[in-house]
N, C-alpha and C. Protein backbone atom coordinates (compact mmCIF):
# COMPACT_ATOMS: atom_id res chain seq x y z
N MET A 1 0.84 -1.19 0.00
CA MET A 1 0.00 0.00 0.00
C MET A 1 0.89 1.25 0.00
N SER A 2 0.61 2.18 -0.89
CA SER A 2 1.39 3.41 -0.92
C SER A 2 0.53 4.56 -0.43
N GLY A 3 1.18 5.63 -0.03
CA GLY A 3 0.46 6.79 0.43
C GLY A 3 -0.09 7.59 -0.74
N THR A 4 -0.81 8.66 -0.40
CA THR A 4 -1.36 9.52 -1.44
C THR A 4 -0.96 10.96 -1.17
N VAL A 5 -0.83 11.71 -2.26
CA VAL A 5 -0.52 13.13 -2.20
C VAL A 5 -1.56 13.84 -3.05
N THR A 6 -2.25 14.81 -2.44
CA THR A 6 -3.21 15.64 -3.17
C THR A 6 -2.73 17.08 -3.06
N MET A 7 -2.55 17.70 -4.22
CA MET A 7 -2.08 19.09 -4.25
C MET A 7 -3.18 20.00 -4.77
N TYR A 8 -3.54 20.98 -3.96
CA TYR A 8 -4.50 22.00 -4.37
C TYR A 8 -3.67 23.16 -4.93
N SER A 9 -4.00 23.58 -6.15
CA SER A 9 -3.17 24.57 -6.83
C SER A 9 -4.02 25.50 -7.69
N THR A 10 -3.33 26.40 -8.39
CA THR A 10 -3.94 27.23 -9.42
C THR A 10 -3.05 27.12 -10.66
N SER A 11 -3.57 27.54 -11.79
CA SER A 11 -2.81 27.43 -13.04
C SER A 11 -1.63 28.40 -13.08
N TRP A 12 -1.68 29.48 -12.33
CA TRP A 12 -0.66 30.52 -12.40
C TRP A 12 0.37 30.48 -11.27
N CYS A 13 0.25 29.53 -10.36
CA CYS A 13 1.09 29.50 -9.16
C CYS A 13 2.49 28.94 -9.45
N GLY A 14 3.50 29.79 -9.32
CA GLY A 14 4.87 29.36 -9.53
C GLY A 14 5.35 28.35 -8.50
N TYR A 15 4.93 28.51 -7.24
CA TYR A 15 5.31 27.56 -6.20
C TYR A 15 4.72 26.18 -6.48
N CYS A 16 3.50 26.17 -7.03
CA CYS A 16 2.86 24.90 -7.40
C CYS A 16 3.64 24.23 -8.52
N ARG A 17 4.00 24.99 -9.53
CA ARG A 17 4.77 24.43 -10.66
C ARG A 17 6.09 23.85 -10.17
N ARG A 18 6.76 24.57 -9.28
CA ARG A 18 8.04 24.08 -8.76
C ARG A 18 7.86 22.77 -8.00
N LEU A 19 6.87 22.70 -7.12
CA LEU A 19 6.67 21.48 -6.34
C LEU A 19 6.26 20.33 -7.25
N LYS A 20 5.40 20.58 -8.23
CA LYS A 20 5.01 19.52 -9.17
C LYS A 20 6.23 18.98 -9.90
N SER A 21 7.10 19.86 -10.34
CA SER A 21 8.33 19.45 -11.03
C SER A 21 9.20 18.59 -10.13
N GLN A 22 9.34 18.98 -8.88
CA GLN A 22 10.14 18.21 -7.93
C GLN A 22 9.53 16.84 -7.66
N LEU A 23 8.20 16.79 -7.49
CA LEU A 23 7.53 15.51 -7.25
C LEU A 23 7.69 14.60 -8.47
N ASP A 24 7.53 15.17 -9.67
CA ASP A 24 7.70 14.39 -10.90
C ASP A 24 9.12 13.82 -10.97
N ARG A 25 10.10 14.67 -10.69
CA ARG A 25 11.50 14.24 -10.75
C ARG A 25 11.78 13.09 -9.79
N GLU A 26 11.15 13.12 -8.62
CA GLU A 26 11.37 12.08 -7.62
C GLU A 26 10.45 10.87 -7.79
N GLY A 27 9.56 10.93 -8.78
CA GLY A 27 8.65 9.81 -9.02
C GLY A 27 7.55 9.67 -7.99
N ILE A 28 7.20 10.78 -7.34
CA ILE A 28 6.12 10.77 -6.34
C ILE A 28 4.82 11.14 -7.05
N ALA A 29 3.89 10.21 -7.07
CA ALA A 29 2.60 10.45 -7.72
C ALA A 29 1.75 11.38 -6.87
N TYR A 30 0.94 12.18 -7.54
CA TYR A 30 0.06 13.10 -6.84
C TYR A 30 -1.18 13.36 -7.69
N THR A 31 -2.22 13.80 -7.02
CA THR A 31 -3.44 14.25 -7.68
C THR A 31 -3.49 15.75 -7.53
N GLU A 32 -3.67 16.45 -8.63
CA GLU A 32 -3.73 17.90 -8.59
C GLU A 32 -5.17 18.36 -8.75
N ILE A 33 -5.58 19.31 -7.91
CA ILE A 33 -6.92 19.89 -7.98
C ILE A 33 -6.77 21.40 -8.09
N ASN A 34 -7.27 21.95 -9.18
CA ASN A 34 -7.20 23.40 -9.42
C ASN A 34 -8.36 24.05 -8.68
N ILE A 35 -8.05 24.86 -7.68
CA ILE A 35 -9.11 25.45 -6.86
C ILE A 35 -9.91 26.51 -7.61
N GLU A 36 -9.39 26.99 -8.74
CA GLU A 36 -10.14 27.95 -9.55
C GLU A 36 -11.27 27.26 -10.32
N GLU A 37 -11.14 25.95 -10.49
CA GLU A 37 -12.14 25.18 -11.22
C GLU A 37 -13.04 24.35 -10.31
N ASP A 38 -12.75 24.33 -9.02
CA ASP A 38 -13.48 23.48 -8.08
C ASP A 38 -13.79 24.29 -6.81
N PRO A 39 -14.98 24.91 -6.73
CA PRO A 39 -15.32 25.76 -5.58
C PRO A 39 -15.24 25.04 -4.23
N GLU A 40 -15.58 23.77 -4.17
CA GLU A 40 -15.51 23.04 -2.90
C GLU A 40 -14.06 22.91 -2.43
N SER A 41 -13.16 22.69 -3.36
CA SER A 41 -11.74 22.60 -3.01
C SER A 41 -11.23 23.95 -2.55
N ALA A 42 -11.68 25.03 -3.18
CA ALA A 42 -11.29 26.37 -2.76
C ALA A 42 -11.73 26.62 -1.32
N LYS A 43 -12.94 26.16 -0.96
CA LYS A 43 -13.42 26.32 0.42
C LYS A 43 -12.54 25.54 1.39
N PHE A 44 -12.14 24.31 1.00
CA PHE A 44 -11.27 23.50 1.85
C PHE A 44 -9.95 24.23 2.10
N VAL A 45 -9.35 24.76 1.03
CA VAL A 45 -8.07 25.46 1.14
C VAL A 45 -8.22 26.67 2.07
N GLU A 46 -9.32 27.40 1.94
CA GLU A 46 -9.57 28.53 2.84
C GLU A 46 -9.67 28.08 4.29
N GLU A 47 -10.37 26.97 4.52
CA GLU A 47 -10.56 26.46 5.89
C GLU A 47 -9.23 26.13 6.56
N VAL A 48 -8.32 25.52 5.82
CA VAL A 48 -7.06 25.09 6.44
C VAL A 48 -5.99 26.18 6.43
N ASN A 49 -6.29 27.32 5.80
CA ASN A 49 -5.32 28.41 5.71
C ASN A 49 -5.87 29.72 6.25
N GLY A 50 -6.68 29.65 7.28
CA GLY A 50 -7.15 30.85 7.96
C GLY A 50 -7.93 31.81 7.08
N GLY A 51 -8.70 31.26 6.12
CA GLY A 51 -9.53 32.09 5.25
C GLY A 51 -8.85 32.49 3.96
N ASN A 52 -7.60 32.11 3.78
CA ASN A 52 -6.84 32.46 2.58
C ASN A 52 -6.81 31.30 1.59
N GLN A 53 -6.78 31.62 0.32
CA GLN A 53 -6.65 30.60 -0.72
C GLN A 53 -5.17 30.46 -1.07
N THR A 54 -4.40 29.97 -0.13
CA THR A 54 -2.96 29.83 -0.29
C THR A 54 -2.64 28.48 -0.92
N VAL A 55 -1.90 28.52 -2.03
CA VAL A 55 -1.49 27.30 -2.72
C VAL A 55 0.02 27.34 -2.94
N PRO A 56 0.66 26.18 -3.04
CA PRO A 56 0.04 24.88 -2.96
C PRO A 56 -0.32 24.50 -1.52
N THR A 57 -1.49 23.95 -1.37
CA THR A 57 -1.88 23.29 -0.14
C THR A 57 -1.86 21.80 -0.47
N VAL A 58 -1.15 21.03 0.35
CA VAL A 58 -0.93 19.62 0.04
C VAL A 58 -1.43 18.77 1.20
N VAL A 59 -2.19 17.73 0.86
CA VAL A 59 -2.65 16.75 1.84
C VAL A 59 -1.94 15.43 1.53
N VAL A 60 -1.21 14.93 2.51
CA VAL A 60 -0.48 13.67 2.36
C VAL A 60 -1.08 12.66 3.32
N VAL A 61 -1.38 11.47 2.81
CA VAL A 61 -1.80 10.36 3.65
C VAL A 61 -0.73 9.29 3.49
N SER A 62 -0.05 8.97 4.58
CA SER A 62 1.03 7.99 4.53
C SER A 62 0.45 6.59 4.40
N PRO A 63 1.28 5.62 4.03
CA PRO A 63 0.81 4.23 3.98
C PRO A 63 0.24 3.74 5.31
N ALA A 64 0.73 4.31 6.42
CA ALA A 64 0.23 3.93 7.74
C ALA A 64 -1.09 4.61 8.09
N GLY A 65 -1.55 5.55 7.22
CA GLY A 65 -2.82 6.22 7.45
C GLY A 65 -2.70 7.57 8.13
N THR A 66 -1.48 8.02 8.40
CA THR A 66 -1.26 9.33 9.01
C THR A 66 -1.51 10.41 7.97
N GLN A 67 -2.31 11.41 8.32
CA GLN A 67 -2.63 12.49 7.38
C GLN A 67 -1.97 13.78 7.82
N ALA A 68 -1.38 14.48 6.85
CA ALA A 68 -0.76 15.78 7.11
C ALA A 68 -1.26 16.76 6.06
N THR A 69 -1.64 17.95 6.48
CA THR A 69 -2.03 19.03 5.57
C THR A 69 -0.99 20.13 5.72
N MET A 70 -0.38 20.51 4.59
CA MET A 70 0.72 21.47 4.61
C MET A 70 0.49 22.56 3.58
N THR A 71 0.95 23.76 3.89
CA THR A 71 0.87 24.88 2.97
C THR A 71 2.26 25.19 2.46
N ASN A 72 2.39 25.20 1.13
CA ASN A 72 3.66 25.47 0.46
C ASN A 72 4.81 24.64 1.04
N PRO A 73 4.62 23.31 1.09
CA PRO A 73 5.68 22.46 1.67
C PRO A 73 6.85 22.28 0.71
N SER A 74 7.98 21.92 1.27
CA SER A 74 9.14 21.55 0.46
C SER A 74 8.98 20.09 0.04
N LEU A 75 9.78 19.69 -0.91
CA LEU A 75 9.80 18.28 -1.31
C LEU A 75 10.15 17.40 -0.12
N ALA A 76 11.10 17.84 0.69
CA ALA A 76 11.51 17.06 1.86
C ALA A 76 10.34 16.88 2.84
N GLN A 77 9.53 17.92 3.02
CA GLN A 77 8.39 17.81 3.93
C GLN A 77 7.35 16.82 3.40
N VAL A 78 7.11 16.84 2.10
CA VAL A 78 6.16 15.89 1.51
C VAL A 78 6.70 14.47 1.66
N SER A 79 7.97 14.27 1.36
CA SER A 79 8.58 12.95 1.48
C SER A 79 8.51 12.44 2.92
N GLN A 80 8.80 13.33 3.87
CA GLN A 80 8.77 12.94 5.28
C GLN A 80 7.35 12.55 5.69
N ALA A 81 6.35 13.30 5.24
CA ALA A 81 4.95 12.99 5.59
C ALA A 81 4.54 11.65 4.99
N LEU A 82 5.04 11.34 3.80
CA LEU A 82 4.71 10.06 3.17
C LEU A 82 5.30 8.88 3.94
N SER A 83 6.40 9.11 4.63
CA SER A 83 7.04 8.01 5.35
C SER A 83 6.64 7.95 6.81
N ALA A 84 5.73 8.83 7.24
CA ALA A 84 5.30 8.86 8.66
C ALA A 84 4.39 7.70 8.98
């Protein structure tokens, strides 16, 4: 069983593009959700970021079932959450 990574992003976000590139390079699969196209996802991002639509917001569920929600995480933080 492998963990999951869900990235909430926008089409214009440079930080999102950078993290996606890093995840691709490391072979870490992720699901991307554009909050500009999905109002429910935009609400979720606001809820976990004090009312702000800050992206990338990333939800990682490790193989052990541990869930972490992070705002603008580094590749190292995502990798660490996946191994928790």
